[in-house]
């Protein structure tokens, strides 16, 4: 009975501090997982690519090492890519006596791929300062990312969660004022190159392909409003929050090496680019513990070659106290 009472009290105190509307569906907030608490989150996204449904599903394990430092590990599966780069990614033209001229093509879209394991993505978050008051606070944290995902990703834009291996770092600022919450995140992504090889079907010689992705800068601006509920009242109360989140990215162009020779690029997905997306969403929190959120993404400025629009996202999350 004492354990159960302490557990309920802990949940109330935890969610009173972080506030429902600052648990953003997509962007990281400056809040860390409390010490000794385990969080589990399942989340997925999907979009229609011509007549094919592209889907990705991730499972995240979170843990608070200290009151200001938490870590997270995500494993995921998707049907975004084949095991090898698309065969029509490379075009060629015979040039007579000078040989064959190779270049990069824009590969066919809407091809069906089986689901496969992507790999692991790790995130560490350290809160560097917080200014707390009654129903308001200002918090700042730094984040670091690492990924061993190694998909045959055929766009210049990097994504450490589900497409690329590499590292990243960023800083996040969160503000809470009564029922309103705001979060601003910016950082960089530094992917590692993808390489593959196979024998030439004509002469049996090894063909090497290497895709060097562009580095990227990303920025997220999220707004939340607590529409229903008040965490100061009761543990059982259901809370509803509305969100609008802006996700942007600017990335460099990619380089494609064919047997260590860079090919001329005729693929728009290999060019440098930038875009801004908007995600309206809604979140429900039940019993101050079970969190469910849904978002729908649209292009606001430019577009991503990684996915089509609209982009559907859903997440379910729960926390467990070990003590």
Protein backbone atom coordinates (compact mmCIF):
# COMPACT_ATOMS: atom_id res chain seq x y z
CA UNK A 1 0.00 0.00 0.00
CA UNK A 2 2.83 2.40 0.87
CA UNK A 3 4.61 1.55 -2.39
CA UNK A 4 1.43 2.19 -4.38
CA UNK A 5 0.87 5.54 -2.65
CA UNK A 6 4.45 6.62 -3.32
CA UNK A 7 4.14 5.56 -6.94
CA UNK A 8 1.00 7.61 -7.49
CA UNK A 9 2.53 10.58 -5.70
CA UNK A 10 5.62 10.31 -7.84
CA UNK A 11 3.60 10.37 -11.04
CA UNK A 12 1.65 13.41 -9.89
CA UNK A 13 4.81 15.30 -8.95
CA UNK A 14 6.53 14.33 -12.18
CA UNK A 15 3.76 15.43 -14.51
CA UNK A 16 3.01 18.52 -12.42
CA UNK A 17 6.57 19.63 -13.10
CA UNK A 18 6.74 18.89 -16.83
CA UNK A 19 3.15 19.85 -17.73
CA UNK A 20 1.17 18.01 -20.37
CA UNK A 21 1.43 20.57 -23.13
CA UNK A 22 5.24 20.51 -23.02
CA UNK A 23 5.44 16.81 -23.93
CA UNK A 24 5.70 17.62 -27.62
CA UNK A 25 4.72 14.80 -30.01
CA UNK A 26 7.62 15.33 -32.43
CA UNK A 27 10.22 17.74 -31.07
CA UNK A 28 12.45 17.21 -28.06
CA UNK A 29 11.71 19.39 -25.04
CA UNK A 30 14.30 20.54 -22.50
CA UNK A 31 12.82 18.17 -19.91
CA UNK A 32 14.79 15.06 -19.02
CA UNK A 33 13.44 11.77 -17.69
CA UNK A 34 13.58 11.91 -13.85
CA UNK A 35 16.23 9.86 -12.07
CA UNK A 36 15.36 6.20 -11.76
CA UNK A 37 12.38 6.39 -14.14
CA UNK A 38 12.00 4.19 -17.22
CA UNK A 39 9.99 5.38 -20.20
CA UNK A 40 8.69 3.24 -23.08
CA UNK A 41 7.48 4.78 -26.31
CA UNK A 42 6.19 3.22 -29.49
CA UNK A 43 5.74 5.50 -32.47
CA UNK A 44 5.14 5.17 -36.17
CA UNK A 45 4.83 7.20 -39.35
CA UNK A 46 3.37 6.46 -42.77
CA UNK A 47 2.78 8.12 -46.13
CA UNK A 48 1.49 7.13 -49.54
CA UNK A 49 4.23 7.00 -52.18
CA UNK A 50 2.19 6.78 -55.37
CA UNK A 51 0.37 3.45 -54.75
CA UNK A 52 2.73 2.15 -52.07
CA UNK A 53 2.47 2.79 -48.33
CA UNK A 54 5.84 3.72 -46.84
CA UNK A 55 5.84 2.94 -43.12
CA UNK A 56 8.32 3.20 -40.25
CA UNK A 57 7.90 1.95 -36.67
CA UNK A 58 10.21 2.65 -33.74
CA UNK A 59 10.40 1.51 -30.11
CA UNK A 60 12.19 3.77 -27.65
CA UNK A 61 13.54 2.94 -24.18
CA UNK A 62 14.29 5.97 -21.97
CA UNK A 63 15.99 6.17 -18.57
CA UNK A 64 16.88 8.98 -16.17
CA UNK A 65 20.45 8.59 -14.90
CA UNK A 66 20.33 11.78 -12.81
CA UNK A 67 17.84 14.58 -12.29
CA UNK A 68 19.39 16.46 -15.22
CA UNK A 69 20.70 13.69 -17.48
CA UNK A 70 18.73 11.04 -19.38
CA UNK A 71 19.40 8.62 -22.22
CA UNK A 72 17.24 6.93 -24.84
CA UNK A 73 17.72 4.03 -27.25
CA UNK A 74 15.45 3.45 -30.26
CA UNK A 75 15.25 0.42 -32.54
CA UNK A 76 13.17 0.57 -35.71
CA UNK A 77 11.91 -1.25 -38.79
CA UNK A 78 10.69 0.17 -42.11
CA UNK A 79 9.97 -0.57 -45.74
CA UNK A 80 11.70 2.56 -47.03
CA UNK A 81 14.58 0.90 -48.89
CA UNK A 82 15.82 -2.26 -50.53
CA UNK A 83 18.99 -4.01 -49.35
CA UNK A 84 20.90 -2.42 -52.22
CA UNK A 85 20.72 0.95 -53.95
CA UNK A 86 18.10 1.05 -56.74
CA UNK A 87 19.48 -0.41 -60.00
CA UNK A 88 18.12 2.56 -61.97
CA UNK A 89 19.99 5.03 -59.74
CA UNK A 90 22.88 4.90 -62.23
CA UNK A 91 22.32 5.68 -65.88
CA UNK A 92 24.81 5.26 -68.71
CA UNK A 93 25.33 6.21 -72.31
CA UNK A 94 27.74 4.66 -74.77
CA UNK A 95 30.04 7.25 -76.27
CA UNK A 96 31.71 5.27 -79.01
CA UNK A 97 35.48 5.04 -78.87
CA UNK A 98 35.72 6.88 -75.54
CA UNK A 99 33.77 4.16 -73.67
CA UNK A 100 30.68 4.44 -71.46
CA UNK A 101 29.52 7.59 -69.72
CA UNK A 102 27.87 7.02 -66.31
CA UNK A 103 25.68 9.48 -64.37
CA UNK A 104 23.15 9.43 -61.53
CA UNK A 105 19.43 9.14 -62.26
CA UNK A 106 16.32 9.88 -60.21
CA UNK A 107 15.19 6.31 -59.39
CA UNK A 108 11.63 5.10 -59.84
CA UNK A 109 9.25 5.84 -56.94
CA UNK A 110 6.46 3.67 -55.62
CA UNK A 111 8.50 0.44 -55.69
CA UNK A 112 7.44 -2.07 -53.04
CA UNK A 113 10.12 -3.09 -50.52
CA UNK A 114 9.82 -5.62 -47.67
CA UNK A 115 10.09 -4.49 -44.04
CA UNK A 116 13.61 -4.73 -42.66
CA UNK A 117 15.51 -3.90 -39.50
CA UNK A 118 17.04 -0.41 -39.59
CA UNK A 119 19.33 -0.39 -36.54
CA UNK A 120 19.69 1.59 -33.32
CA UNK A 121 19.54 5.29 -32.57
CA UNK A 122 20.85 6.60 -29.24
CA UNK A 123 20.17 10.01 -27.70
CA UNK A 124 21.60 11.66 -24.59
CA UNK A 125 20.10 14.81 -23.08
CA UNK A 126 21.60 17.05 -20.38
CA UNK A 127 19.62 19.93 -18.90
CA UNK A 128 22.02 22.82 -18.36
CA UNK A 129 19.70 25.23 -16.58
CA UNK A 130 16.11 25.81 -15.49
CA UNK A 131 14.19 28.73 -14.04
CA UNK A 132 10.99 27.47 -12.45
CA UNK A 133 8.00 29.33 -11.08
CA UNK A 134 4.34 28.62 -10.45
CA UNK A 135 2.86 27.31 -13.74
CA UNK A 136 5.83 28.68 -15.65
CA UNK A 137 9.43 27.84 -16.37
CA UNK A 138 12.34 28.34 -18.73
CA UNK A 139 14.60 25.35 -19.41
CA UNK A 140 17.54 24.63 -21.68
CA UNK A 141 19.22 21.34 -22.57
CA UNK A 142 21.87 20.01 -24.93
CA UNK A 143 21.42 16.77 -26.85
CA UNK A 144 23.75 14.34 -28.59
CA UNK A 145 22.82 11.62 -31.09
CA UNK A 146 24.45 8.49 -32.47
CA UNK A 147 23.09 6.03 -35.02
CA UNK A 148 24.27 2.77 -36.56
CA UNK A 149 21.38 2.64 -39.05
CA UNK A 150 22.72 1.51 -42.41
CA UNK A 151 19.98 1.62 -45.02
CA UNK A 152 20.53 1.94 -48.77
CA UNK A 153 19.27 5.51 -48.49
CA UNK A 154 19.18 7.20 -51.91
CA UNK A 155 18.70 10.89 -51.05
CA UNK A 156 21.15 13.60 -49.97
CA UNK A 157 19.06 14.53 -46.93
CA UNK A 158 20.26 12.68 -43.79
CA UNK A 159 18.03 11.29 -41.05
CA UNK A 160 19.73 9.53 -38.14
CA UNK A 161 16.58 7.94 -36.76
CA UNK A 162 15.68 5.76 -39.74
CA UNK A 163 17.97 6.25 -42.77
CA UNK A 164 21.58 7.08 -41.91
CA UNK A 165 24.33 6.20 -39.51
CA UNK A 166 26.31 9.07 -38.03
CA UNK A 167 26.26 11.58 -35.18
CA UNK A 168 24.44 14.78 -34.31
CA UNK A 169 24.20 17.45 -31.63
CA UNK A 170 21.82 20.24 -30.75
CA UNK A 171 20.39 22.58 -28.16
CA UNK A 172 16.77 22.91 -27.06
CA UNK A 173 14.98 25.70 -25.20
CA UNK A 174 11.53 25.16 -23.64
CA UNK A 175 9.21 27.79 -22.19
CA UNK A 176 6.01 27.20 -20.20
CA UNK A 177 3.54 29.96 -19.31
CA UNK A 178 0.38 28.58 -17.68
CA UNK A 179 -1.40 26.64 -20.44
CA UNK A 180 0.98 27.66 -23.25
CA UNK A 181 4.25 25.92 -24.07
CA UNK A 182 6.95 26.65 -26.63
CA UNK A 183 10.03 24.71 -27.65
CA UNK A 184 12.86 25.71 -29.99
CA UNK A 185 15.47 23.18 -31.09
CA UNK A 186 18.37 23.55 -33.48
CA UNK A 187 21.28 21.28 -34.26
CA UNK A 188 23.45 19.54 -36.82
CA UNK A 189 23.55 16.09 -38.43
CA UNK A 190 26.78 14.53 -39.67
CA UNK A 191 26.05 11.25 -41.49
CA UNK A 192 28.54 8.60 -42.50
CA UNK A 193 28.76 7.46 -46.11
CA UNK A 194 27.05 4.35 -47.44
CA UNK A 195 29.01 1.88 -49.58
CA UNK A 196 28.28 -1.41 -51.30
CA UNK A 197 29.90 -3.65 -53.89
CA UNK A 198 28.99 -6.54 -56.17
CA UNK A 199 30.52 -8.40 -59.14
CA UNK A 200 29.93 -7.03 -62.62
CA UNK A 201 27.63 -9.53 -64.41
CA UNK A 202 29.61 -9.05 -67.67
CA UNK A 203 33.27 -9.34 -66.64
CA UNK A 204 33.05 -10.41 -62.98
CA UNK A 205 35.09 -7.45 -61.74
CA UNK A 206 34.07 -5.86 -58.44
CA UNK A 207 31.91 -2.77 -58.78
CA UNK A 208 32.08 -0.36 -55.85
CA UNK A 209 29.43 2.25 -55.13
CA UNK A 210 29.72 4.89 -52.43
CA UNK A 211 27.15 7.54 -51.53
CA UNK A 212 28.40 10.47 -49.45
CA UNK A 213 25.43 12.25 -47.88
CA UNK A 214 25.21 15.94 -47.13
CA UNK A 215 25.61 17.37 -43.63
CA UNK A 216 22.50 19.11 -42.36
CA UNK A 217 21.21 21.77 -39.99
CA UNK A 218 17.73 21.24 -38.54
CA UNK A 219 15.39 23.48 -36.57
CA UNK A 220 12.13 22.72 -34.78
CA UNK A 221 9.66 25.26 -33.41
CA UNK A 222 6.74 23.81 -31.43
CA UNK A 223 3.73 25.39 -29.77
CA UNK A 224 1.42 23.62 -27.32
CA UNK A 225 -1.78 24.59 -25.54
CA UNK A 226 -3.42 22.66 -22.68
CA UNK A 227 -7.02 22.59 -23.86
CA UNK A 228 -8.56 20.36 -21.20
CA UNK A 229 -7.44 19.35 -17.70
CA UNK A 230 -5.15 20.73 -15.04
CA UNK A 231 -2.37 18.68 -13.54
CA UNK A 232 -2.74 20.47 -10.21
CA UNK A 233 -6.09 18.76 -9.55
CA UNK A 234 -6.17 14.98 -9.61
CA UNK A 235 -4.15 12.00 -10.78
CA UNK A 236 -7.04 10.43 -12.69
CA UNK A 237 -7.91 13.51 -14.74
CA UNK A 238 -7.52 13.22 -18.53
CA UNK A 239 -5.57 16.00 -20.22
CA UNK A 240 -5.91 17.15 -23.82
CA UNK A 241 -3.39 19.40 -25.56
CA UNK A 242 -3.26 20.87 -29.05
CA UNK A 243 -0.01 21.41 -30.94
CA UNK A 244 1.41 22.97 -34.03
CA UNK A 245 5.01 22.09 -34.82
CA UNK A 246 7.30 23.42 -37.56
CA UNK A 247 10.14 21.13 -38.66
CA UNK A 248 12.79 22.47 -41.00
CA UNK A 249 16.07 21.22 -42.42
CA UNK A 250 18.82 22.52 -44.67
CA UNK A 251 21.29 20.01 -46.11
CA UNK A 252 24.26 19.87 -48.46
CA UNK A 253 24.42 18.00 -51.75
CA UNK A 254 25.47 14.36 -52.00
CA UNK A 255 28.37 12.81 -53.91
CA UNK A 256 28.13 9.46 -55.66
CA UNK A 257 31.33 7.52 -56.36
CA UNK A 258 31.33 4.69 -58.90
CA UNK A 259 34.57 2.70 -58.63
CA UNK A 260 36.09 5.73 -56.83
CA UNK A 261 35.05 8.08 -59.63
CA UNK A 262 32.50 10.78 -58.90
CA UNK A 263 29.61 10.71 -61.35
CA UNK A 264 27.86 13.71 -62.81
CA UNK A 265 24.61 14.21 -60.93
CA UNK A 266 21.27 14.34 -62.77
CA UNK A 267 19.26 13.31 -59.71
CA UNK A 268 17.40 16.20 -57.97
CA UNK A 269 17.33 14.21 -54.70
CA UNK A 270 21.15 14.44 -54.59
CA UNK A 271 21.15 18.25 -54.76
CA UNK A 272 21.40 20.47 -51.71
CA UNK A 273 18.06 21.61 -50.40
CA UNK A 274 15.93 22.99 -47.62
CA UNK A 275 12.30 22.73 -46.57
CA UNK A 276 9.87 23.59 -43.80
CA UNK A 277 7.00 21.32 -42.72
CA UNK A 278 4.01 21.96 -40.47
CA UNK A 279 2.49 19.36 -38.15
CA UNK A 280 -0.80 20.08 -36.36
CA UNK A 281 -1.44 17.51 -33.66
CA UNK A 282 -3.41 16.47 -30.61
CA UNK A 283 -2.31 14.68 -27.45
CA UNK A 284 -4.23 12.91 -24.67
CA UNK A 285 -2.73 11.90 -21.33
CA UNK A 286 -4.64 9.40 -19.20
CA UNK A 287 -4.09 8.92 -15.44
CA UNK A 288 -1.03 11.21 -15.62
CA UNK A 289 0.90 8.38 -17.23
CA UNK A 290 -0.35 6.99 -20.54
CA UNK A 291 0.27 9.45 -23.37
CA UNK A 292 -1.18 9.16 -26.89
CA UNK A 293 -0.46 11.69 -29.64
CA UNK A 294 -1.34 12.00 -33.31
CA UNK A 295 0.08 14.44 -35.89
CA UNK A 296 -0.35 15.10 -39.60
CA UNK A 297 2.47 16.68 -41.63
CA UNK A 298 2.33 18.93 -44.69
CA UNK A 299 4.88 20.83 -46.74
CA UNK A 300 4.97 24.53 -45.96
CA UNK A 301 8.09 25.60 -47.88
CA UNK A 302 9.95 23.37 -50.31
CA UNK A 303 9.71 19.62 -49.87
CA UNK A 304 11.58 16.59 -48.64
CA UNK A 305 12.55 13.88 -51.13
CA UNK A 306 12.60 11.36 -48.27
CA UNK A 307 8.81 11.11 -47.98
CA UNK A 308 5.58 12.12 -49.68
CA UNK A 309 2.81 14.23 -48.11
CA UNK A 310 0.76 14.12 -46.01
CA UNK A 311 2.82 12.30 -43.40
CA UNK A 312 0.84 10.51 -40.66
CA UNK A 313 2.44 10.09 -37.22
CA UNK A 314 1.25 8.43 -34.03
CA UNK A 315 2.91 7.76 -30.66
CA UNK A 316 2.09 5.94 -27.40
CA UNK A 317 4.20 6.42 -24.27
CA UNK A 318 4.25 5.31 -20.64
CA UNK A 319 6.58 5.75 -17.64
CA UNK A 320 7.56 3.28 -14.92
CA UNK A 321 9.10 4.15 -11.55
CA UNK A 322 11.66 1.65 -10.27
CA UNK A 323 11.54 2.78 -6.63
